[in-house]
PDB file of N, CA and C in Angstrom:
ATOM      1  N   UNK A   1     237.714 119.032 191.826  1.00  0.00           N
ATOM      2  CA  UNK A   1     237.199 119.033 190.466  1.00  0.00           C
ATOM      3  C   UNK A   1     236.690 120.433 190.139  1.00  0.00           C
ATOM      4  N   UNK A   2     237.044 120.912 188.969  1.00  0.00           N
ATOM      5  CA  UNK A   2     236.641 122.251 188.569  1.00  0.00           C
ATOM      6  C   UNK A   2     235.195 122.248 188.099  1.00  0.00           C
ATOM      7  N   UNK A   3     234.552 123.367 188.307  1.00  0.00           N
ATOM      8  CA  UNK A   3     233.176 123.539 187.858  1.00  0.00           C
ATOM      9  C   UNK A   3     233.128 123.559 186.333  1.00  0.00           C
ATOM     10  N   UNK A   4     231.978 123.161 185.804  1.00  0.00           N
ATOM     11  CA  UNK A   4     231.783 123.198 184.353  1.00  0.00           C
ATOM     12  C   UNK A   4     231.902 124.625 183.838  1.00  0.00           C
ATOM     13  N   UNK A   5     231.520 125.585 184.636  1.00  0.00           N
ATOM     14  CA  UNK A   5     231.535 126.990 184.221  1.00  0.00           C
ATOM     15  C   UNK A   5     232.840 127.691 184.583  1.00  0.00           C
ATOM     16  N   UNK A   6     233.862 126.924 184.990  1.00  0.00           N
ATOM     17  CA  UNK A   6     235.127 127.512 185.411  1.00  0.00           C
ATOM     18  C   UNK A   6     235.731 128.401 184.325  1.00  0.00           C
ATOM     19  N   UNK A   7     235.639 127.971 183.063  1.00  0.00           N
ATOM     20  CA  UNK A   7     236.221 128.759 181.976  1.00  0.00           C
ATOM     21  C   UNK A   7     235.565 130.127 181.851  1.00  0.00           C
ATOM     22  N   UNK A   8     234.283 130.225 182.209  1.00  0.00           N
ATOM     23  CA  UNK A   8     233.607 131.525 182.152  1.00  0.00           C
ATOM     24  C   UNK A   8     234.171 132.476 183.197  1.00  0.00           C
ATOM     25  N   UNK A   9     234.508 131.936 184.367  1.00  0.00           N
ATOM     26  CA  UNK A   9     235.093 132.777 185.406  1.00  0.00           C
ATOM     27  C   UNK A   9     236.475 133.275 184.983  1.00  0.00           C
ATOM     28  N   UNK A  10     237.237 132.425 184.326  1.00  0.00           N
ATOM     29  CA  UNK A  10     238.536 132.864 183.825  1.00  0.00           C
ATOM     30  C   UNK A  10     238.373 133.949 182.776  1.00  0.00           C
ATOM     31  N   UNK A  11     237.385 133.801 181.909  1.00  0.00           N
ATOM     32  CA  UNK A  11     237.147 134.803 180.876  1.00  0.00           C
ATOM     33  C   UNK A  11     236.764 136.141 181.514  1.00  0.00           C
ATOM     34  N   UNK A  12     235.922 136.092 182.558  1.00  0.00           N
ATOM     35  CA  UNK A  12     235.507 137.321 183.228  1.00  0.00           C
ATOM     36  C   UNK A  12     236.704 138.037 183.847  1.00  0.00           C
ATOM     37  N   UNK A  13     237.666 137.261 184.365  1.00  0.00           N
ATOM     38  CA  UNK A  13     238.841 137.861 184.999  1.00  0.00           C
ATOM     39  C   UNK A  13     239.844 138.357 183.967  1.00  0.00           C
ATOM     40  N   UNK A  14     239.620 138.027 182.727  1.00  0.00           N
ATOM     41  CA  UNK A  14     240.496 138.530 181.676  1.00  0.00           C
ATOM     42  C   UNK A  14     241.675 137.632 181.366  1.00  0.00           C
ATOM     43  N   UNK A  15     241.574 136.358 181.694  1.00  0.00           N
ATOM     44  CA  UNK A  15     242.667 135.439 181.370  1.00  0.00           C
ATOM     45  C   UNK A  15     242.729 135.266 179.860  1.00  0.00           C
ATOM     46  N   UNK A  16     243.880 135.518 179.295  1.00  0.00           N
ATOM     47  CA  UNK A  16     244.015 135.448 177.838  1.00  0.00           C
ATOM     48  C   UNK A  16     245.127 134.492 177.427  1.00  0.00           C
ATOM     49  N   UNK A  17     245.247 133.402 178.132  1.00  0.00           N
ATOM     50  CA  UNK A  17     246.268 132.428 177.754  1.00  0.00           C
ATOM     51  C   UNK A  17     245.622 131.339 176.902  1.00  0.00           C
ATOM     52  N   UNK A  18     245.102 131.759 175.758  1.00  0.00           N
ATOM     53  CA  UNK A  18     244.453 130.825 174.845  1.00  0.00           C
ATOM     54  C   UNK A  18     245.462 130.336 173.814  1.00  0.00           C
ATOM     55  N   UNK A  19     245.125 129.249 173.189  1.00  0.00           N
ATOM     56  CA  UNK A  19     245.976 128.640 172.169  1.00  0.00           C
ATOM     57  C   UNK A  19     245.951 129.505 170.909  1.00  0.00           C
ATOM     58  N   UNK A  20     247.118 129.815 170.336  1.00  0.00           N
ATOM     59  CA  UNK A  20     247.118 130.580 169.079  1.00  0.00           C
ATOM     60  C   UNK A  20     246.528 129.738 167.957  1.00  0.00           C
ATOM     61  N   UNK A  21     245.981 130.427 166.959  1.00  0.00           N
ATOM     62  CA  UNK A  21     245.407 129.707 165.827  1.00  0.00           C
ATOM     63  C   UNK A  21     246.072 130.180 164.554  1.00  0.00           C
ATOM     64  N   UNK A  22     246.590 129.351 163.726  1.00  0.00           N
ATOM     65  CA  UNK A  22     246.688 127.905 163.906  1.00  0.00           C
ATOM     66  C   UNK A  22     247.711 127.566 164.980  1.00  0.00           C
ATOM     67  N   UNK A  23     247.474 126.473 165.656  1.00  0.00           N
ATOM     68  CA  UNK A  23     248.312 126.055 166.771  1.00  0.00           C
ATOM     69  C   UNK A  23     249.705 125.654 166.294  1.00  0.00           C
ATOM     70  N   UNK A  24     250.666 125.803 167.185  1.00  0.00           N
ATOM     71  CA  UNK A  24     252.019 125.326 166.903  1.00  0.00           C
ATOM     72  C   UNK A  24     252.108 123.813 167.087  1.00  0.00           C
ATOM     73  N   UNK A  25     251.159 123.254 167.827  1.00  0.00           N
ATOM     74  CA  UNK A  25     251.124 121.826 168.106  1.00  0.00           C
ATOM     75  C   UNK A  25     250.457 121.098 166.934  1.00  0.00           C
ATOM     76  N   UNK A  26     251.162 120.137 166.352  1.00  0.00           N
ATOM     77  CA  UNK A  26     250.636 119.411 165.186  1.00  0.00           C
ATOM     78  C   UNK A  26     249.361 118.640 165.518  1.00  0.00           C
ATOM     79  N   UNK A  27     249.262 118.103 166.717  1.00  0.00           N
ATOM     80  CA  UNK A  27     248.062 117.361 167.118  1.00  0.00           C
ATOM     81  C   UNK A  27     246.835 118.249 167.186  1.00  0.00           C
ATOM     82  N   UNK A  28     247.012 119.452 167.695  1.00  0.00           N
ATOM     83  CA  UNK A  28     245.889 120.393 167.779  1.00  0.00           C
ATOM     84  C   UNK A  28     245.504 120.878 166.386  1.00  0.00           C
ATOM     85  N   UNK A  29     246.493 121.094 165.519  1.00  0.00           N
ATOM     86  CA  UNK A  29     246.179 121.475 164.131  1.00  0.00           C
ATOM     87  C   UNK A  29     245.391 120.372 163.440  1.00  0.00           C
ATOM     88  N   UNK A  30     245.782 119.121 163.683  1.00  0.00           N
ATOM     89  CA  UNK A  30     245.052 117.991 163.109  1.00  0.00           C
ATOM     90  C   UNK A  30     243.614 117.976 163.617  1.00  0.00           C
ATOM     91  N   UNK A  31     243.441 118.179 164.917  1.00  0.00           N
ATOM     92  CA  UNK A  31     242.095 118.224 165.497  1.00  0.00           C
ATOM     93  C   UNK A  31     241.275 119.355 164.883  1.00  0.00           C
ATOM     94  N   UNK A  32     241.882 120.514 164.681  1.00  0.00           N
ATOM     95  CA  UNK A  32     241.186 121.637 164.038  1.00  0.00           C
ATOM     96  C   UNK A  32     240.719 121.253 162.636  1.00  0.00           C
ATOM     97  N   UNK A  33     241.575 120.575 161.890  1.00  0.00           N
ATOM     98  CA  UNK A  33     241.213 120.167 160.529  1.00  0.00           C
ATOM     99  C   UNK A  33     240.123 119.103 160.527  1.00  0.00           C
ATOM    100  N   UNK A  34     240.201 118.163 161.459  1.00  0.00           N
ATOM    101  CA  UNK A  34     239.173 117.123 161.556  1.00  0.00           C
ATOM    102  C   UNK A  34     237.831 117.745 161.931  1.00  0.00           C
ATOM    103  N   UNK A  35     237.840 118.691 162.874  1.00  0.00           N
ATOM    104  CA  UNK A  35     236.598 119.354 163.280  1.00  0.00           C
ATOM    105  C   UNK A  35     235.999 120.141 162.120  1.00  0.00           C
ATOM    106  N   UNK A  36     236.838 120.796 161.337  1.00  0.00           N
ATOM    107  CA  UNK A  36     236.355 121.535 160.172  1.00  0.00           C
ATOM    108  C   UNK A  36     235.727 120.587 159.156  1.00  0.00           C
ATOM    109  N   UNK A  37     236.389 119.475 158.901  1.00  0.00           N
ATOM    110  CA  UNK A  37     235.849 118.491 157.958  1.00  0.00           C
ATOM    111  C   UNK A  37     234.535 117.904 158.474  1.00  0.00           C
ATOM    112  N   UNK A  38     234.477 117.588 159.755  1.00  0.00           N
ATOM    113  CA  UNK A  38     233.252 117.022 160.334  1.00  0.00           C
ATOM    114  C   UNK A  38     232.095 118.009 160.241  1.00  0.00           C
ATOM    115  N   UNK A  39     232.396 119.298 160.356  1.00  0.00           N
ATOM    116  CA  UNK A  39     231.359 120.312 160.251  1.00  0.00           C
ATOM    117  C   UNK A  39     230.719 120.374 158.879  1.00  0.00           C
ATOM    118  N   UNK A  40     231.432 119.927 157.865  1.00  0.00           N
ATOM    119  CA  UNK A  40     230.888 119.893 156.507  1.00  0.00           C
ATOM    120  C   UNK A  40     230.336 118.505 156.174  1.00  0.00           C
ATOM    121  N   UNK A  41     231.069 117.474 156.554  1.00  0.00           N
ATOM    122  CA  UNK A  41     230.668 116.102 156.217  1.00  0.00           C
ATOM    123  C   UNK A  41     229.363 115.715 156.908  1.00  0.00           C
ATOM    124  N   UNK A  42     229.173 116.148 158.143  1.00  0.00           N
ATOM    125  CA  UNK A  42     227.951 115.802 158.879  1.00  0.00           C
ATOM    126  C   UNK A  42     226.678 116.169 158.130  1.00  0.00           C
ATOM    127  N   UNK A  43     226.495 117.438 157.777  1.00  0.00           N
ATOM    128  CA  UNK A  43     225.293 117.806 157.030  1.00  0.00           C
ATOM    129  C   UNK A  43     225.207 117.135 155.658  1.00  0.00           C
ATOM    130  N   UNK A  44     226.336 116.891 155.016  1.00  0.00           N
ATOM    131  CA  UNK A  44     226.328 116.220 153.711  1.00  0.00           C
ATOM    132  C   UNK A  44     225.759 114.807 153.839  1.00  0.00           C
ATOM    133  N   UNK A  45     225.946 114.172 154.994  1.00  0.00           N
ATOM    134  CA  UNK A  45     225.428 112.818 155.209  1.00  0.00           C
ATOM    135  C   UNK A  45     223.899 112.769 155.188  1.00  0.00           C
ATOM    136  N   UNK A  46     223.246 113.911 155.351  1.00  0.00           N
ATOM    137  CA  UNK A  46     221.782 113.953 155.297  1.00  0.00           C
ATOM    138  C   UNK A  46     221.259 114.143 153.871  1.00  0.00           C
ATOM    139  N   UNK A  47     222.142 114.337 152.909  1.00  0.00           N
ATOM    140  CA  UNK A  47     221.693 114.539 151.527  1.00  0.00           C
ATOM    141  C   UNK A  47     220.906 113.357 150.962  1.00  0.00           C
ATOM    142  N   UNK A  48     221.239 112.104 151.265  1.00  0.00           N
ATOM    143  CA  UNK A  48     220.391 111.012 150.773  1.00  0.00           C
ATOM    144  C   UNK A  48     218.950 111.108 151.290  1.00  0.00           C
ATOM    145  N   UNK A  49     218.786 111.587 152.520  1.00  0.00           N
ATOM    146  CA  UNK A  49     217.441 111.769 153.076  1.00  0.00           C
ATOM    147  C   UNK A  49     216.693 112.838 152.282  1.00  0.00           C
ATOM    148  N   UNK A  50     217.377 113.933 151.984  1.00  0.00           N
ATOM    149  CA  UNK A  50     216.764 115.013 151.211  1.00  0.00           C
ATOM    150  C   UNK A  50     216.427 114.530 149.798  1.00  0.00           C
ATOM    151  N   UNK A  51     217.324 113.759 149.199  1.00  0.00           N
ATOM    152  CA  UNK A  51     217.068 113.204 147.867  1.00  0.00           C
ATOM    153  C   UNK A  51     215.818 112.332 147.881  1.00  0.00           C
ATOM    154  N   UNK A  52     215.717 111.460 148.864  1.00  0.00           N
ATOM    155  CA  UNK A  52     214.565 110.558 148.938  1.00  0.00           C
ATOM    156  C   UNK A  52     213.264 111.336 149.093  1.00  0.00           C
ATOM    157  N   UNK A  53     213.291 112.398 149.866  1.00  0.00           N
ATOM    158  CA  UNK A  53     212.062 113.166 150.098  1.00  0.00           C
ATOM    159  C   UNK A  53     211.686 113.987 148.867  1.00  0.00           C
ATOM    160  N   UNK A  54     212.621 114.770 148.344  1.00  0.00           N
ATOM    161  CA  UNK A  54     212.283 115.740 147.305  1.00  0.00           C
ATOM    162  C   UNK A  54     212.284 115.169 145.885  1.00  0.00           C
ATOM    163  N   UNK A  55     213.103 114.182 145.607  1.00  0.00           N
ATOM    164  CA  UNK A  55     213.164 113.645 144.246  1.00  0.00           C
ATOM    165  C   UNK A  55     212.319 112.393 144.076  1.00  0.00           C
ATOM    166  N   UNK A  56     212.241 111.588 145.130  1.00  0.00           N
ATOM    167  CA  UNK A  56     211.418 110.377 145.068  1.00  0.00           C
ATOM    168  C   UNK A  56     210.046 110.596 145.704  1.00  0.00           C
ATOM    169  N   UNK A  57     209.838 111.767 146.303  1.00  0.00           N
ATOM    170  CA  UNK A  57     208.573 112.131 146.957  1.00  0.00           C
ATOM    171  C   UNK A  57     208.147 111.074 147.974  1.00  0.00           C
ATOM    172  N   UNK A  58     209.105 110.615 148.741  1.00  0.00           N
ATOM    173  CA  UNK A  58     208.841 109.582 149.731  1.00  0.00           C
ATOM    174  C   UNK A  58     209.384 110.042 151.081  1.00  0.00           C
ATOM    175  N   UNK A  59     208.471 110.417 151.965  1.00  0.00           N
ATOM    176  CA  UNK A  59     208.867 110.838 153.305  1.00  0.00           C
ATOM    177  C   UNK A  59     208.355 109.860 154.351  1.00  0.00           C
ATOM    178  N   UNK A  60     208.098 108.639 153.938  1.00  0.00           N
ATOM    179  CA  UNK A  60     207.595 107.627 154.869  1.00  0.00           C
ATOM    180  C   UNK A  60     208.625 107.380 155.967  1.00  0.00           C
ATOM    181  N   UNK A  61     208.163 107.430 157.194  1.00  0.00           N
ATOM    182  CA  UNK A  61     209.029 107.178 158.334  1.00  0.00           C
ATOM    183  C   UNK A  61     209.846 108.373 158.791  1.00  0.00           C
ATOM    184  N   UNK A  62     209.682 109.523 158.153  1.00  0.00           N
ATOM    185  CA  UNK A  62     210.426 110.722 158.535  1.00  0.00           C
ATOM    186  C   UNK A  62     209.544 111.561 159.448  1.00  0.00           C
ATOM    187  N   UNK A  63     210.038 111.860 160.626  1.00  0.00           N
ATOM    188  CA  UNK A  63     209.272 112.634 161.594  1.00  0.00           C
ATOM    189  C   UNK A  63     209.533 114.126 161.411  1.00  0.00           C
ATOM    190  N   UNK A  64     208.514 114.843 160.955  1.00  0.00           N
ATOM    191  CA  UNK A  64     208.645 116.291 160.790  1.00  0.00           C
ATOM    192  C   UNK A  64     208.910 116.965 162.130  1.00  0.00           C
ATOM    193  N   UNK A  65     208.287 116.464 163.185  1.00  0.00           N
ATOM    194  CA  UNK A  65     208.484 117.039 164.519  1.00  0.00           C
ATOM    195  C   UNK A  65     209.942 116.919 164.957  1.00  0.00           C
ATOM    196  N   UNK A  66     210.527 115.750 164.783  1.00  0.00           N
ATOM    197  CA  UNK A  66     211.923 115.549 165.191  1.00  0.00           C
ATOM    198  C   UNK A  66     212.873 116.441 164.400  1.00  0.00           C
ATOM    199  N   UNK A  67     212.718 116.473 163.082  1.00  0.00           N
ATOM    200  CA  UNK A  67     213.627 117.264 162.257  1.00  0.00           C
ATOM    201  C   UNK A  67     213.443 118.759 162.495  1.00  0.00           C
ATOM    202  N   UNK A  68     212.209 119.187 162.789  1.00  0.00           N
ATOM    203  CA  UNK A  68     211.988 120.594 163.145  1.00  0.00           C
ATOM    204  C   UNK A  68     212.678 120.913 164.460  1.00  0.00           C
ATOM    205  N   UNK A  69     212.550 120.007 165.428  1.00  0.00           N
ATOM    206  CA  UNK A  69     213.214 120.207 166.721  1.00  0.00           C
ATOM    207  C   UNK A  69     214.729 120.274 166.544  1.00  0.00           C
ATOM    208  N   UNK A  70     215.280 119.399 165.693  1.00  0.00           N
ATOM    209  CA  UNK A  70     216.720 119.449 165.433  1.00  0.00           C
ATOM    210  C   UNK A  70     217.108 120.816 164.870  1.00  0.00           C
ATOM    211  N   UNK A  71     216.312 121.324 163.941  1.00  0.00           N
ATOM    212  CA  UNK A  71     216.595 122.631 163.347  1.00  0.00           C
ATOM    213  C   UNK A  71     216.516 123.756 164.359  1.00  0.00           C
ATOM    214  N   UNK A  72     215.496 123.718 165.194  1.00  0.00           N
ATOM    215  CA  UNK A  72     215.331 124.758 166.215  1.00  0.00           C
ATOM    216  C   UNK A  72     216.457 124.695 167.241  1.00  0.00           C
ATOM    217  N   UNK A  73     216.874 123.482 167.590  1.00  0.00           N
ATOM    218  CA  UNK A  73     217.953 123.331 168.568  1.00  0.00           C
ATOM    219  C   UNK A  73     219.310 123.760 168.021  1.00  0.00           C
ATOM    220  N   UNK A  74     219.415 123.980 166.729  1.00  0.00           N
ATOM    221  CA  UNK A  74     220.647 124.521 166.159  1.00  0.00           C
ATOM    222  C   UNK A  74     220.765 126.021 166.399  1.00  0.00           C
ATOM    223  N   UNK A  75     219.653 126.695 166.620  1.00  0.00           N
ATOM    224  CA  UNK A  75     219.659 128.156 166.754  1.00  0.00           C
ATOM    225  C   UNK A  75     220.533 128.637 167.914  1.00  0.00           C
ATOM    226  N   UNK A  76     220.469 128.033 169.119  1.00  0.00           N
ATOM    227  CA  UNK A  76     221.376 128.501 170.180  1.00  0.00           C
ATOM    228  C   UNK A  76     222.856 128.372 169.801  1.00  0.00           C
ATOM    229  N   UNK A  77     223.205 127.332 169.061  1.00  0.00           N
ATOM    230  CA  UNK A  77     224.596 127.171 168.640  1.00  0.00           C
ATOM    231  C   UNK A  77     224.984 128.220 167.604  1.00  0.00           C
ATOM    232  N   UNK A  78     224.049 128.576 166.736  1.00  0.00           N
ATOM    233  CA  UNK A  78     224.302 129.641 165.763  1.00  0.00           C
ATOM    234  C   UNK A  78     224.531 130.957 166.496  1.00  0.00           C
ATOM    235  N   UNK A  79     223.684 131.247 167.470  1.00  0.00           N
ATOM    236  CA  UNK A  79     223.852 132.470 168.257  1.00  0.00           C
ATOM    237  C   UNK A  79     225.164 132.454 169.033  1.00  0.00           C
ATOM    238  N   UNK A  80     225.513 131.301 169.600  1.00  0.00           N
ATOM    239  CA  UNK A  80     226.773 131.159 170.327  1.00  0.00           C
ATOM    240  C   UNK A  80     227.954 131.456 169.407  1.00  0.00           C
ATOM    241  N   UNK A  81     227.940 130.868 168.221  1.00  0.00           N
ATOM    242  CA  UNK A  81     229.017 131.108 167.267  1.00  0.00           C
ATOM    243  C   UNK A  81     229.097 132.563 166.846  1.00  0.00           C
ATOM    244  N   UNK A  82     227.944 133.206 166.699  1.00  0.00           N
ATOM    245  CA  UNK A  82     227.906 134.617 166.323  1.00  0.00           C
ATOM    246  C   UNK A  82     228.451 135.492 167.447  1.00  0.00           C
ATOM    247  N   UNK A  83     227.970 135.262 168.661  1.00  0.00           N
ATOM    248  CA  UNK A  83     228.385 136.082 169.806  1.00  0.00           C
ATOM    249  C   UNK A  83     229.879 135.926 170.086  1.00  0.00           C
ATOM    250  N   UNK A  84     230.381 134.702 169.995  1.00  0.00           N
ATOM    251  CA  UNK A  84     231.786 134.438 170.304  1.00  0.00           C
ATOM    252  C   UNK A  84     232.688 134.530 169.075  1.00  0.00           C
ATOM    253  N   UNK A  85     232.099 134.933 167.947  1.00  0.00           N
ATOM    254  CA  UNK A  85     232.842 135.118 166.696  1.00  0.00           C
ATOM    255  C   UNK A  85     233.615 133.856 166.316  1.00  0.00           C
ATOM    256  N   UNK A  86     232.965 132.716 166.501  1.00  0.00           N
ATOM    257  CA  UNK A  86     233.565 131.428 166.149  1.00  0.00           C
ATOM    258  C   UNK A  86     232.959 130.982 164.826  1.00  0.00           C
ATOM    259  N   UNK A  87     233.675 131.245 163.741  1.00  0.00           N
ATOM    260  CA  UNK A  87     233.146 130.968 162.406  1.00  0.00           C
ATOM    261  C   UNK A  87     232.914 129.488 162.162  1.00  0.00           C
ATOM    262  N   UNK A  88     233.731 128.633 162.751  1.00  0.00           N
ATOM    263  CA  UNK A  88     233.560 127.196 162.555  1.00  0.00           C
ATOM    264  C   UNK A  88     232.225 126.726 163.121  1.00  0.00           C
ATOM    265  N   UNK A  89     231.924 127.121 164.343  1.00  0.00           N
ATOM    266  CA  UNK A  89     230.641 126.749 164.952  1.00  0.00           C
ATOM    267  C   UNK A  89     229.498 127.386 164.180  1.00  0.00           C
ATOM    268  N   UNK A  90     229.643 128.634 163.817  1.00  0.00           N
ATOM    269  CA  UNK A  90     228.594 129.347 163.097  1.00  0.00           C
ATOM    270  C   UNK A  90     228.278 128.669 161.760  1.00  0.00           C
ATOM    271  N   UNK A  91     229.287 128.377 160.974  1.00  0.00           N
ATOM    272  CA  UNK A  91     229.060 127.748 159.666  1.00  0.00           C
ATOM    273  C   UNK A  91     228.484 126.343 159.810  1.00  0.00           C
ATOM    274  N   UNK A  92     229.031 125.587 160.749  1.00  0.00           N
ATOM    275  CA  UNK A  92     228.560 124.215 160.941  1.00  0.00           C
ATOM    276  C   UNK A  92     227.084 124.185 161.291  1.00  0.00           C
ATOM    277  N   UNK A  93     226.675 125.002 162.241  1.00  0.00           N
ATOM    278  CA  UNK A  93     225.290 124.938 162.685  1.00  0.00           C
ATOM    279  C   UNK A  93     224.326 125.638 161.742  1.00  0.00           C
ATOM    280  N   UNK A  94     224.797 126.574 160.944  1.00  0.00           N
ATOM    281  CA  UNK A  94     223.943 127.118 159.887  1.00  0.00           C
ATOM    282  C   UNK A  94     223.668 126.022 158.861  1.00  0.00           C
ATOM    283  N   UNK A  95     224.702 125.259 158.500  1.00  0.00           N
ATOM    284  CA  UNK A  95     224.505 124.133 157.580  1.00  0.00           C
ATOM    285  C   UNK A  95     223.541 123.108 158.168  1.00  0.00           C
ATOM    286  N   UNK A  96     223.755 122.740 159.435  1.00  0.00           N
ATOM    287  CA  UNK A  96     222.869 121.761 160.066  1.00  0.00           C
ATOM    288  C   UNK A  96     221.433 122.266 160.124  1.00  0.00           C
ATOM    289  N   UNK A  97     221.254 123.534 160.465  1.00  0.00           N
ATOM    290  CA  UNK A  97     219.904 124.097 160.555  1.00  0.00           C
ATOM    291  C   UNK A  97     219.224 124.038 159.189  1.00  0.00           C
ATOM    292  N   UNK A  98     219.938 124.411 158.141  1.00  0.00           N
ATOM    293  CA  UNK A  98     219.361 124.371 156.792  1.00  0.00           C
ATOM    294  C   UNK A  98     218.975 122.946 156.408  1.00  0.00           C
ATOM    295  N   UNK A  99     219.849 121.988 156.683  1.00  0.00           N
ATOM    296  CA  UNK A  99     219.562 120.588 156.351  1.00  0.00           C
ATOM    297  C   UNK A  99     218.368 120.085 157.153  1.00  0.00           C
ATOM    298  N   UNK A 100     218.380 120.325 158.454  1.00  0.00           N
ATOM    299  CA  UNK A 100     217.305 119.827 159.313  1.00  0.00           C
ATOM    300  C   UNK A 100     215.950 120.405 158.916  1.00  0.00           C
ATOM    301  N   UNK A 101     215.907 121.701 158.653  1.00  0.00           N
ATOM    302  CA  UNK A 101     214.629 122.315 158.291  1.00  0.00           C
ATOM    303  C   UNK A 101     214.194 121.914 156.881  1.00  0.00           C
ATOM    304  N   UNK A 102     215.144 121.668 155.989  1.00  0.00           N
ATOM    305  CA  UNK A 102     214.804 121.174 154.653  1.00  0.00           C
ATOM    306  C   UNK A 102     214.130 119.813 154.746  1.00  0.00           C
ATOM    307  N   UNK A 103     214.686 118.928 155.566  1.00  0.00           N
ATOM    308  CA  UNK A 103     214.080 117.607 155.760  1.00  0.00           C
ATOM    309  C   UNK A 103     212.715 117.751 156.428  1.00  0.00           C
ATOM    310  N   UNK A 104     212.607 118.629 157.417  1.00  0.00           N
ATOM    311  CA  UNK A 104     211.332 118.816 158.120  1.00  0.00           C
ATOM    312  C   UNK A 104     210.244 119.307 157.164  1.00  0.00           C
ATOM    313  N   UNK A 105     210.559 120.301 156.337  1.00  0.00           N
ATOM    314  CA  UNK A 105     209.566 120.804 155.384  1.00  0.00           C
ATOM    315  C   UNK A 105     209.176 119.723 154.387  1.00  0.00           C
ATOM    316  N   UNK A 106     210.148 118.966 153.930  1.00  0.00           N
ATOM    317  CA  UNK A 106     209.851 117.869 153.011  1.00  0.00           C
ATOM    318  C   UNK A 106     208.971 116.810 153.647  1.00  0.00           C
ATOM    319  N   UNK A 107     209.201 116.532 154.925  1.00  0.00           N
ATOM    320  CA  UNK A 107     208.375 115.545 155.630  1.00  0.00           C
ATOM    321  C   UNK A 107     206.937 116.020 155.739  1.00  0.00           C
ATOM    322  N   UNK A 108     206.742 117.323 155.893  1.00  0.00           N
ATOM    323  CA  UNK A 108     205.380 117.870 155.963  1.00  0.00           C
ATOM    324  C   UNK A 108     204.715 117.796 154.589  1.00  0.00           C
ATOM    325  N   UNK A 109     205.414 118.201 153.540  1.00  0.00           N
ATOM    326  CA  UNK A 109     204.816 118.265 152.209  1.00  0.00           C
ATOM    327  C   UNK A 109     204.628 116.902 151.558  1.00  0.00           C
ATOM    328  N   UNK A 110     205.566 115.990 151.786  1.00  0.00           N
ATOM    329  CA  UNK A 110     205.510 114.694 151.116  1.00  0.00           C
ATOM    330  C   UNK A 110     205.197 113.537 152.056  1.00  0.00           C
ATOM    331  N   UNK A 111     204.917 113.850 153.312  1.00  0.00           N
ATOM    332  CA  UNK A 111     204.617 112.792 154.278  1.00  0.00           C
ATOM    333  C   UNK A 111     203.323 112.080 153.942  1.00  0.00           C
ATOM    334  N   UNK A 112     203.263 110.828 154.346  1.00  0.00           N
ATOM    335  CA  UNK A 112     202.057 110.052 154.010  1.00  0.00           C
ATOM    336  C   UNK A 112     201.125 109.934 155.193  1.00  0.00           C
TER     337      UNK A 112
END
C-alpha cells in the first residue's frame, strides 16, 4: 500500500505525468464540471441561513463558535490553492470562508 504522502515524493522527483486539462477523458471532464458546480452550489446552500440571520434578525440555534471555526479552517485550503495555483480550490474556499464568517458575525450580532 502506498503512503498517503507518496504523491509528494513523486512531485519532488519531478514526475510530470499529470492529466492534461481539460482532460481527453469524458468521465474526468464530467468530474471536473461537477466539482466546479459543487464549489459554487455548496456556499449558495448557506444563503437561507444568512437570510434568516440578517433579514429576519433571528440567529437562534446558530453557533458563532462553530461557524467561526469553519471559516478559520478554510484558510489552510485557501493557502493551499494559492500555493499550488489551483483556482478551483482557491475560489471554492474563499466563497466558503466568506459564507462561514458572514454567518458567524450574524450569530454574534443577532444571537439571543
